[in-house]
Amino acid sequence: MAAPRIPSQPSDIKTSTPIEHKIRNFKDCQVPVLQMFAS
């Protein structure tokens, strides 16, 4: 699985919440796409 693009700004890296939120959104977006390819 490809990792989501994480901004290289130190402020974004310091706070883990926005990154976790992006990863969660990325995984939620991947599920319908994978189901589309599977069917």
Protein backbone atom coordinates (compact mmCIF):
# COMPACT_ATOMS: atom_id res chain seq x y z
CA MET A 1 0.00 0.00 0.00
CA ALA A 2 1.31 3.42 -0.92
CA ALA A 3 1.77 5.83 1.97
CA PRO A 4 -0.08 9.16 1.95
CA ARG A 5 1.95 12.27 1.17
CA ILE A 6 2.99 13.89 4.43
CA PRO A 7 3.95 17.59 4.27
CA SER A 8 7.58 18.24 5.19
CA GLN A 9 6.78 21.25 7.38
CA PRO A 10 8.14 20.74 10.94
CA SER A 11 4.89 22.12 12.37
CA ASP A 12 2.93 19.29 10.73
CA ILE A 13 5.39 16.65 11.87
CA LYS A 14 5.34 17.86 15.49
CA THR A 15 1.56 17.45 15.78
CA SER A 16 0.66 13.85 15.07
CA THR A 17 -3.10 14.45 14.95
CA PRO A 18 -3.29 15.99 11.45
CA ILE A 19 -1.06 13.25 10.06
CA GLU A 20 -3.14 10.52 11.70
CA HIS A 21 -6.24 12.20 10.29
CA LYS A 22 -4.75 12.21 6.77
CA ILE A 23 -3.77 8.54 7.05
CA ARG A 24 -7.27 7.66 8.27
CA ASN A 25 -8.82 9.57 5.36
CA PHE A 26 -6.42 7.88 2.94
CA LYS A 27 -7.41 4.42 4.18
CA ASP A 28 -11.11 5.30 4.06
CA CYS A 29 -10.69 6.49 0.46
CA GLN A 30 -8.82 3.33 -0.54
CA VAL A 31 -11.55 0.89 0.50
CA PRO A 32 -14.13 1.83 -2.21
CA VAL A 33 -11.37 1.99 -4.82
CA LEU A 34 -10.12 -1.50 -3.96
CA GLN A 35 -13.70 -2.83 -4.02
CA MET A 36 -14.16 -1.24 -7.46
CA PHE A 37 -11.07 -3.04 -8.80
CA ALA A 38 -12.07 -6.31 -7.15
CA SER A 39 -15.54 -6.42 -8.70
